[in-house]
Amino acid sequence: MATVFTLPDSEVTCLCKEGIDVFLEKNKWQDWTEVKNTSVHGLKVVVQKADIPAADGSPRPTSFKTVVTINAPLEKVMEAVREPEPHMAYDSTFKAENRLADIPTANPDWKIDLVQTITNPAVRGWIASREFIDMRLRVKLDDKTQLLVARSVDDPSHPPQADPVRGINYPGGVLFEEIDKEKTRVTELVCVDLKGSLPAWVVAMGMGNTRVEYFDAMRKYIEKN
């Protein structure tokens, strides 16, 4: 496991704060188009998309928003999403997930790590494997709300390789809201540049299908564990 993280503390703090702001602003965005609205094994999954520009007005890849309610405590749902071991036990979209470093922070409400993920091919091979190097921040917003923000970083300790292609995750993440002690609303926001010349309909179909499969697999894992 790598333990070196070369970004300066000031840049880490800036990236984390920006990630929180971007997530919360995107979550309030009104102009979402429905991609998928279905129920699988009693779990209602709603996937939407929107073209949300960056703060400076420049275009970004399409953002995807998924909302589900999981019948489990917030901390248990958070663990299933954040920790590599349980995550890999149910998430078939990932070929590998490695925590490269825990990043020290002076803020007691922040937990930051650096994670490498490699995806499996998707949409019958239309989308090949991709690698991502993301910095993730876990922050407690209030007693019943936590946020896991993720974004790709350029860290010289982990340069891009020829294969798989390095993708980019723009600021996004997962919002966990406690409805009651045994029920958690999960809102996931993803804005990813997969690189390559993929048709927009392929990306939208892939995201719609994989998010349904992902959250159904998460539900099954949590019920069994």
Protein backbone atom coordinates (compact mmCIF):
# COMPACT_ATOMS: atom_id res chain seq x y z
CA MET A 1 0.00 0.00 0.00
CA ALA A 2 1.34 3.43 -0.91
CA THR A 3 1.60 5.89 1.97
CA VAL A 4 2.93 8.93 0.10
CA PHE A 5 0.55 11.70 -0.89
CA THR A 6 2.29 14.67 -2.42
CA LEU A 7 -0.43 17.33 -2.65
CA PRO A 8 0.12 20.17 -0.12
CA ASP A 9 -2.31 20.56 2.79
CA SER A 10 -3.64 23.87 1.44
CA GLU A 11 -4.57 22.27 -1.88
CA VAL A 12 -6.22 19.30 -0.16
CA THR A 13 -8.35 21.69 1.94
CA CYS A 14 -9.29 23.72 -1.13
CA LEU A 15 -10.25 20.62 -3.13
CA CYS A 16 -12.36 19.29 -0.24
CA LYS A 17 -14.23 22.56 0.28
CA GLU A 18 -14.89 22.90 -3.43
CA GLY A 19 -16.14 19.31 -3.57
CA ILE A 20 -18.66 19.93 -0.78
CA ASP A 21 -19.90 23.15 -2.41
CA VAL A 22 -20.24 21.56 -5.85
CA PHE A 23 -22.14 18.55 -4.48
CA LEU A 24 -24.62 20.66 -2.52
CA GLU A 25 -25.18 23.02 -5.46
CA LYS A 26 -25.73 20.12 -7.88
CA ASN A 27 -28.17 18.50 -5.47
CA LYS A 28 -30.30 21.68 -5.60
CA TRP A 29 -30.19 21.82 -9.41
CA GLN A 30 -33.75 21.84 -10.79
CA ASP A 31 -33.39 20.80 -14.43
CA TRP A 32 -33.04 17.00 -14.20
CA THR A 33 -34.26 14.54 -16.86
CA GLU A 34 -35.33 11.06 -15.83
CA VAL A 35 -33.16 8.22 -17.15
CA LYS A 36 -34.55 5.33 -15.10
CA ASN A 37 -37.40 4.94 -12.64
CA THR A 38 -37.89 1.37 -11.54
CA SER A 39 -38.38 -0.96 -8.59
CA VAL A 40 -36.29 -4.08 -8.17
CA HIS A 41 -36.95 -6.50 -5.32
CA GLY A 42 -38.92 -3.79 -3.55
CA LEU A 43 -36.17 -1.15 -3.93
CA LYS A 44 -37.24 1.98 -5.81
CA VAL A 45 -34.38 3.44 -7.86
CA VAL A 46 -34.64 6.81 -9.63
CA VAL A 47 -31.81 7.87 -11.96
CA GLN A 48 -31.75 11.34 -13.52
CA LYS A 49 -29.32 13.31 -15.67
CA ALA A 50 -28.50 16.98 -16.18
CA ASP A 51 -25.91 19.04 -18.02
CA ILE A 52 -24.54 21.21 -15.22
CA PRO A 53 -21.68 23.59 -16.13
CA ALA A 54 -18.64 24.22 -13.98
CA ALA A 55 -18.60 27.26 -11.68
CA ASP A 56 -16.86 29.31 -14.40
CA GLY A 57 -19.54 28.39 -16.94
CA SER A 58 -17.43 25.92 -18.90
CA PRO A 59 -19.15 22.67 -19.96
CA ARG A 60 -18.79 19.45 -17.99
CA PRO A 61 -19.83 15.89 -18.83
CA THR A 62 -23.42 15.00 -18.02
CA SER A 63 -24.14 14.58 -14.30
CA PHE A 64 -26.16 11.61 -13.07
CA LYS A 65 -28.22 11.61 -9.87
CA THR A 66 -29.55 8.44 -8.23
CA VAL A 67 -31.88 8.39 -5.22
CA VAL A 68 -32.79 5.29 -3.20
CA THR A 69 -33.90 4.48 0.34
CA ILE A 70 -32.08 1.61 2.05
CA ASN A 71 -33.61 -0.16 5.06
CA ALA A 72 -30.51 0.03 7.24
CA PRO A 73 -28.81 2.47 9.67
CA LEU A 74 -26.81 5.31 8.16
CA GLU A 75 -23.44 4.08 9.45
CA LYS A 76 -23.98 0.62 8.00
CA VAL A 77 -24.86 2.05 4.59
CA MET A 78 -21.87 4.41 4.73
CA GLU A 79 -19.52 1.51 5.52
CA ALA A 80 -20.85 -0.50 2.58
CA VAL A 81 -20.07 2.40 0.25
CA ARG A 82 -16.79 3.69 1.69
CA GLU A 83 -14.84 0.61 2.79
CA PRO A 84 -13.10 -1.32 -0.03
CA GLU A 85 -13.66 -4.82 1.40
CA PRO A 86 -17.47 -4.73 1.67
CA HIS A 87 -17.72 -2.57 -1.45
CA MET A 88 -15.87 -5.11 -3.58
CA ALA A 89 -18.02 -7.89 -2.14
CA TYR A 90 -21.11 -6.64 -3.95
CA ASP A 91 -20.10 -4.06 -6.59
CA SER A 92 -19.73 -5.88 -9.91
CA THR A 93 -18.88 -2.64 -11.74
CA PHE A 94 -15.44 -2.60 -10.09
CA LYS A 95 -12.56 -4.90 -10.96
CA ALA A 96 -10.39 -3.52 -8.14
CA GLU A 97 -10.51 -0.91 -5.38
CA ASN A 98 -7.47 0.03 -3.30
CA ARG A 99 -7.08 2.58 -0.54
CA LEU A 100 -3.71 4.11 -1.40
CA ALA A 101 -3.38 6.47 1.55
CA ASP A 102 -5.16 7.96 4.54
CA ILE A 103 -4.62 11.71 4.40
CA PRO A 104 -4.09 13.49 7.74
CA THR A 105 -6.32 16.47 8.44
CA ALA A 106 -6.53 18.96 11.29
CA ASN A 107 -10.32 19.06 10.96
CA PRO A 108 -11.78 16.43 13.37
CA ASP A 109 -15.00 16.24 11.32
CA TRP A 110 -13.13 15.24 8.15
CA LYS A 111 -11.83 11.83 7.10
CA ILE A 112 -9.85 11.92 3.85
CA ASP A 113 -8.33 9.11 1.82
CA LEU A 114 -6.88 8.46 -1.63
CA VAL A 115 -8.45 5.58 -3.55
CA GLN A 116 -7.66 3.79 -6.79
CA THR A 117 -10.53 2.08 -8.60
CA ILE A 118 -10.53 0.04 -11.80
CA THR A 119 -13.86 -0.64 -13.45
CA ASN A 120 -15.01 -3.67 -15.37
CA PRO A 121 -16.09 -3.26 -19.00
CA ALA A 122 -19.71 -2.12 -19.28
CA VAL A 123 -22.59 -1.99 -21.79
CA ARG A 124 -21.54 -5.25 -23.48
CA GLY A 125 -18.01 -4.02 -23.91
CA TRP A 126 -18.86 -0.62 -25.42
CA ILE A 127 -17.22 0.95 -22.37
CA ALA A 128 -13.80 -0.57 -21.64
CA SER A 129 -12.15 -0.71 -18.21
CA ARG A 130 -11.15 2.62 -16.71
CA GLU A 131 -8.89 3.61 -13.82
CA PHE A 132 -9.60 6.46 -11.41
CA ILE A 133 -7.48 8.04 -8.69
CA ASP A 134 -9.83 9.88 -6.35
CA MET A 135 -9.52 11.85 -3.17
CA ARG A 136 -12.51 11.21 -0.91
CA LEU A 137 -13.76 13.26 2.00
CA ARG A 138 -16.21 12.02 4.62
CA VAL A 139 -17.85 14.89 6.47
CA LYS A 140 -20.65 15.07 9.03
CA LEU A 141 -23.09 17.85 8.07
CA ASP A 142 -25.35 17.37 11.10
CA ASP A 143 -26.49 14.62 13.50
CA LYS A 144 -28.53 12.87 10.79
CA THR A 145 -26.64 13.74 7.60
CA GLN A 146 -23.24 12.71 6.29
CA LEU A 147 -21.58 13.35 2.96
CA LEU A 148 -18.94 11.36 1.11
CA VAL A 149 -17.39 13.61 -1.56
CA ALA A 150 -15.05 12.27 -4.22
CA ARG A 151 -13.06 13.85 -7.04
CA SER A 152 -10.13 12.84 -9.20
CA VAL A 153 -6.72 14.30 -8.38
CA ASP A 154 -3.44 14.49 -10.26
CA ASP A 155 -0.99 13.06 -7.74
CA PRO A 156 2.57 12.58 -9.02
CA SER A 157 2.88 9.49 -6.80
CA HIS A 158 0.35 7.71 -9.05
CA PRO A 159 0.88 8.75 -12.70
CA PRO A 160 -1.50 7.53 -15.45
CA GLN A 161 -0.68 4.25 -17.16
CA ALA A 162 -1.30 3.24 -20.78
CA ASP A 163 -3.85 0.60 -19.81
CA PRO A 164 -6.44 0.97 -18.44
CA VAL A 165 -7.24 4.51 -19.57
CA ARG A 166 -7.35 7.06 -16.71
CA GLY A 167 -10.82 8.57 -16.37
CA ILE A 168 -11.79 11.71 -14.48
CA ASN A 169 -14.37 11.99 -11.73
CA TYR A 170 -15.49 15.59 -11.35
CA PRO A 171 -16.73 16.57 -7.87
CA GLY A 172 -19.56 14.28 -6.82
CA GLY A 173 -20.28 11.75 -4.13
CA VAL A 174 -22.98 10.33 -1.91
CA LEU A 175 -25.30 12.06 0.57
CA PHE A 176 -26.57 9.89 3.45
CA GLU A 177 -29.69 11.11 5.28
CA GLU A 178 -31.12 9.29 8.28
CA ILE A 179 -34.88 8.93 7.90
CA ASP A 180 -35.06 6.89 11.10
CA LYS A 181 -32.71 4.53 12.96
CA GLU A 182 -33.28 1.73 10.41
CA LYS A 183 -33.78 3.67 7.19
CA THR A 184 -31.37 5.84 5.14
CA ARG A 185 -32.00 7.95 2.07
CA VAL A 186 -29.03 7.80 -0.32
CA THR A 187 -28.43 10.43 -3.01
CA GLU A 188 -25.53 9.72 -5.37
CA LEU A 189 -24.16 12.34 -7.77
CA VAL A 190 -21.71 11.27 -10.48
CA CYS A 191 -20.03 13.41 -13.13
CA VAL A 192 -17.43 11.36 -14.97
CA ASP A 193 -15.30 11.81 -18.07
CA LEU A 194 -14.61 8.29 -19.33
CA LYS A 195 -12.32 9.63 -22.07
CA GLY A 196 -12.57 8.27 -25.58
CA SER A 197 -15.34 9.02 -28.10
CA LEU A 198 -18.33 7.34 -26.48
CA PRO A 199 -21.83 8.28 -27.73
CA ALA A 200 -23.88 10.10 -25.08
CA TRP A 201 -26.66 7.48 -25.32
CA VAL A 202 -24.18 4.71 -24.48
CA VAL A 203 -23.02 6.54 -21.35
CA ALA A 204 -26.62 7.29 -20.28
CA MET A 205 -27.75 3.69 -20.82
CA GLY A 206 -24.71 2.39 -18.97
CA MET A 207 -25.24 4.70 -16.01
CA GLY A 208 -28.96 3.95 -15.78
CA ASN A 209 -28.48 0.19 -15.81
CA THR A 210 -25.40 0.05 -13.58
CA ARG A 211 -26.91 2.28 -10.88
CA VAL A 212 -29.96 0.03 -10.58
CA GLU A 213 -27.75 -3.08 -10.41
CA TYR A 214 -25.37 -1.41 -7.96
CA PHE A 215 -27.97 -0.33 -5.42
CA ASP A 216 -29.85 -3.63 -5.63
CA ALA A 217 -26.58 -5.47 -4.94
CA MET A 218 -25.85 -3.09 -2.05
CA ARG A 219 -29.27 -3.78 -0.56
CA LYS A 220 -28.72 -7.54 -0.76
CA TYR A 221 -25.27 -7.25 0.82
CA ILE A 222 -26.52 -5.13 3.71
CA GLU A 223 -29.45 -7.49 4.37
CA LYS A 224 -27.06 -10.47 4.60
CA ASN A 225 -24.48 -8.69 6.75
